[in-house]
């Protein structure tokens, strides 16, 4: 389910090129190489609609799991067996690449996680997840942009810079720090001659705008120069389909891999609101998970040598009910999973303070009870990847969150 919100808040004049979906704002600064040979990247993927964590990473060792989650429960036996992660948890079989990364200690799972929000509205839940505030209603800036703005110039990176992938800028990366926006074209692609004439016009009338247009065109070329033509890069909806996720990740990886490209990126993938015909090891949810799995591979391959310094975190606004509803789906819940991947991740583990699934252990007798605050996971990544202080994390990036401690030791 897509958030209903205003368009992107632009700190520079936005440009649209001949009806295409490419837009760029802010001058793209060049980065200094990080000290000690590190050149860290952080990629945030927002899964819009609320992910069923119990059908993504199943607690097969919990004696109450199979009966509660019914047809959606994962199993190590049968025609579509789950992929064991340890003696207690197993991964949906639609994610073999994530399982491979997990085995290589480059992927991890945080289970029974949620933000501090508890009212089960997609709109408010997404606002809380992306704004970083303890409650809804704060839709001007996101925690990832505020993190960028908090980085001292000349330390780790030369200047702050981010990448927003999508047809609108995700709230999580809106704010004062400059951001490059990119999306695969959703309309008729301008030919090279038309693009050149538009550029020439603006060079004479508005050189600053011409510079932004040229940088945006360069970004589009870098994102698609492996033969993905305009027709291939035109998803009919936002990045919710399996193919759309992979294509968005492929283009983003090409931009992030550049030596003078962005080091921080935000993507949003729609379609995770599985009220009807969700499926477990197969079906609608499995198709979505396969698309996310492909996106992880696109980043792994596209980032090349930079993969070793990359951390990817996939988060959603809340989980889903432990019981199946009357349409073989699940309704809005609470606890879910956070998925981590990348060469920088200290992987090969499921991080969980498992709450149990007995009736007395469920949240409001219906949901997986969260024992980990998502903000703690995000704080830990920002602290370990960028060296941000606890004070900055608690006051500026995630306001009024001093009681939520960073979950440390997430990076190798």
Foldseek 3Di string as FASTA:
>chain_A
DDADDDFADAPADWDDDPQWLQIWDDDQFFKDAAPPRFQFFEEEEEEAAAAAQCLAKNQQVFPCQCVLQPQQHAACDDPQHFDDLDPGITGQSLQVLLVVQQVVQFKEKEFLEAALDDPQDRNFLLQCVFQLENGGDPQQAGLVQLLLVPFDAPHSINHREEEAEWSGRRRNNGDDGGYTYGAQTADDDDDPVSLVVVLVVCVVVPVVVSVRSVVSVVLVCQLCVPPCDNVNRHDNDIQAFLSSLLSSLLSVLSQCLDSSHHRYYYYYYYDNNWLAQCGRSDTDVSRRSSSVSSSLVSNVVSNPPNQLNYKYKYDYSAHWWSHRDPRRTTHRAHIRMIMMGTSFFSHSYYHYPQQGDDQVSADVSIHRRHPAYVLQAVVQCSCVSRVDDLVCSDPRSNDPPNVHHHPHPGTD
